[in-house]
Protein backbone atom coordinates (compact mmCIF):
# COMPACT_ATOMS: atom_id res chain seq x y z
CA MET A 1 160.82 130.08 -41.22
CA LYS A 2 159.21 130.83 -44.58
CA ASN A 3 158.65 127.06 -45.15
CA ILE A 4 156.85 126.87 -41.71
CA ASN A 5 154.45 129.63 -42.75
CA LEU A 6 153.83 128.20 -46.04
CA SER A 7 153.08 124.88 -44.41
CA VAL A 8 150.80 126.41 -41.86
CA ARG A 9 149.00 128.31 -44.64
CA PHE A 10 148.61 125.14 -46.83
CA LEU A 11 147.37 123.12 -43.77
CA LEU A 12 144.84 125.84 -43.05
CA ILE A 13 143.62 126.01 -46.67
CA VAL A 14 143.17 122.21 -46.88
CA SER A 15 141.45 122.24 -43.54
CA LEU A 16 138.97 124.92 -44.55
CA SER A 17 138.31 123.40 -47.92
CA ILE A 18 137.48 120.11 -46.15
CA LEU A 19 135.07 121.83 -43.84
CA PHE A 20 133.48 123.75 -46.50
CA LEU A 21 132.85 120.43 -48.47
CA ILE A 22 131.50 118.74 -45.45
CA ALA A 23 129.24 121.69 -44.53
CA CYS A 24 128.01 122.00 -48.29
CA SER A 25 127.56 118.33 -48.90
CA ASN A 26 124.52 117.49 -50.77
CA ASP A 27 123.01 114.85 -48.35
CA ARG A 28 119.40 115.01 -49.48
CA ILE A 29 118.06 113.45 -46.31
CA VAL A 30 115.05 114.42 -44.29
CA TYR A 31 113.27 113.01 -41.29
CA SER A 32 109.67 112.32 -40.17
CA TYR A 33 109.07 111.61 -36.37
CA VAL A 34 106.00 109.47 -35.58
CA VAL A 35 104.13 109.42 -32.19
CA VAL A 36 100.93 107.52 -31.15
CA LYS A 37 98.32 107.66 -28.59
CA PRO A 38 99.48 105.39 -25.60
CA THR A 39 97.32 102.91 -23.82
CA VAL A 40 94.97 104.28 -21.14
CA GLU A 41 97.36 103.22 -18.38
CA ASP A 42 100.23 105.11 -19.80
CA SER A 43 98.41 108.11 -20.81
CA MET A 44 99.38 109.84 -17.56
CA VAL A 45 102.93 110.08 -18.75
CA ASN A 46 102.08 111.84 -21.78
CA GLU A 47 99.44 112.35 -24.39
CA TRP A 48 101.71 110.77 -27.01
CA ARG A 49 104.25 108.00 -27.05
CA PRO A 50 107.21 108.19 -29.48
CA VAL A 51 107.33 105.26 -32.01
CA MET A 52 109.92 105.99 -34.76
CA ARG A 53 111.96 108.20 -36.87
CA VAL A 54 111.58 107.67 -40.55
CA THR A 55 114.49 108.51 -42.78
CA TYR A 56 113.90 109.93 -46.36
CA ARG A 57 116.65 109.98 -49.08
CA VAL A 58 115.44 112.39 -51.75
CA ARG A 59 116.91 111.64 -55.08
CA GLU A 60 116.32 113.23 -58.37
CA ASN A 61 113.35 111.12 -59.31
CA SER A 62 112.69 108.99 -56.45
CA VAL A 63 112.65 108.80 -52.65
CA ILE A 64 113.82 105.93 -50.51
CA SER A 65 112.32 105.64 -47.03
CA GLU A 66 114.16 103.70 -44.27
CA VAL A 67 112.46 102.49 -40.93
CA ALA A 68 114.50 100.23 -38.64
CA GLY A 69 116.64 99.15 -41.46
CA LEU A 70 113.80 98.31 -43.87
CA LEU A 71 113.94 100.29 -47.28
CA ASP A 72 111.15 101.14 -49.54
CA GLU A 73 111.75 103.07 -52.76
CA TYR A 74 109.11 105.24 -54.32
CA GLU A 75 109.41 106.24 -57.97
CA ASP A 76 106.19 107.98 -58.63
CA CYS A 77 107.48 111.11 -57.06
CA SER A 78 107.28 114.87 -57.91
CA ILE A 79 110.37 116.55 -56.52
CA LYS A 80 110.98 120.35 -56.25
CA ASN A 81 113.54 120.23 -53.62
CA MET A 82 114.53 118.41 -50.46
CA ASN A 83 111.90 120.08 -48.31
CA ASN A 84 109.03 120.08 -50.88
CA TRP A 85 108.23 116.78 -52.68
CA GLN A 86 105.42 114.21 -52.83
CA CYS A 87 105.25 110.44 -53.73
CA GLN A 88 102.28 108.17 -54.60
CA TYR A 89 101.93 104.43 -54.23
CA GLU A 90 99.17 101.90 -54.20
CA ASP A 91 98.65 99.17 -51.50
CA GLY A 92 95.67 97.23 -50.18
CA THR A 93 94.02 100.47 -49.03
CA GLY A 94 94.20 102.05 -52.37
CA LYS A 95 96.12 105.10 -53.63
CA ASN A 96 98.30 106.96 -51.05
CA THR A 97 100.23 110.16 -51.17
CA PHE A 98 102.81 111.52 -48.80
CA GLY A 99 105.77 114.07 -48.88
CA PHE A 100 106.92 117.11 -47.51
CA ASN A 101 105.64 120.80 -47.68
CA ASP A 102 108.07 123.46 -46.69
CA GLY A 103 110.01 120.72 -44.47
CA ARG A 104 106.88 119.40 -42.77
CA TYR A 105 105.59 115.95 -43.42
CA TRP A 106 102.16 115.17 -44.66
CA GLN A 107 100.16 112.05 -45.80
CA ALA A 108 96.85 111.43 -47.50
CA PRO A 109 94.96 109.66 -46.38
CA GLY A 110 96.30 110.10 -42.77
CA TRP A 111 96.39 107.52 -40.03
CA GLY A 112 93.51 109.03 -38.01
CA SER A 113 93.70 110.79 -34.62
CA ASP A 114 95.90 108.30 -32.98
CA VAL A 115 98.90 108.72 -35.04
CA ARG A 116 100.95 112.15 -35.66
CA HIS A 117 104.08 113.25 -37.30
CA VAL A 118 105.70 115.94 -35.24
CA SER A 119 108.85 117.88 -35.51
CA ARG A 120 112.28 116.69 -34.19
CA TRP A 121 112.03 118.90 -31.11
CA GLU A 122 108.51 117.86 -30.22
CA TYR A 123 109.46 114.05 -30.55
CA ASN A 124 112.50 114.46 -28.34
CA VAL A 125 110.54 116.34 -25.71
CA ILE A 126 108.02 113.31 -25.73
CA ARG A 127 110.84 110.80 -25.61
CA CYS A 128 112.44 112.55 -22.64
CA LYS A 129 109.21 112.26 -20.62
CA TRP A 130 109.13 108.50 -21.47
CA PHE A 131 112.88 108.03 -20.66
CA GLN A 132 112.21 109.69 -17.24
CA HIS A 133 109.09 107.39 -16.69
CA ASP A 134 110.90 104.26 -17.65
CA ASN A 135 114.36 104.83 -16.09
CA GLY A 136 113.68 107.16 -13.27
CA ARG A 137 114.37 111.06 -13.18
CA VAL A 138 118.27 111.10 -13.08
CA VAL A 139 118.88 108.13 -15.53
CA GLY A 140 116.04 109.37 -17.86
CA ILE A 141 117.47 112.90 -17.86
CA ALA A 142 120.92 111.43 -18.77
CA SER A 143 119.23 109.43 -21.56
CA CYS A 144 117.41 112.45 -22.83
CA LEU A 145 120.63 114.51 -22.97
CA LYS A 146 122.30 111.81 -24.94
CA THR A 147 119.87 112.24 -27.79
CA TYR A 148 120.87 115.93 -28.28
CA ILE A 149 124.71 115.22 -28.21
């Protein structure tokens, strides 16, 4: 009987240790959610249309962005922590800066009034409205619920 109790205790300790490691993992990933103004015909569905989720892997001195499997690494970065950092890069439009401030995405220069970065919650609410428009009410709601599972 003592061996069973020791086995149960050992199993419990190992399970709790694994859960602790998973919960406290150092996944330094943040997301940005992009929406755009829809065409005039589609604007009756919603004022915004969901476009993409951008994944940012924050490292010690650099940030890697991923959009639809395409990766870009930014090395000119100032990183305080996962929710407070900024990176700079140059392209054909000049010098650009982007990052997160208190967990909210920002970018300079911006993309104008037809493109916004929104919270995950707002992005999913917008997606749900489009799921219902594109697939009908029942299938749209089912598709919407899958995004939260």
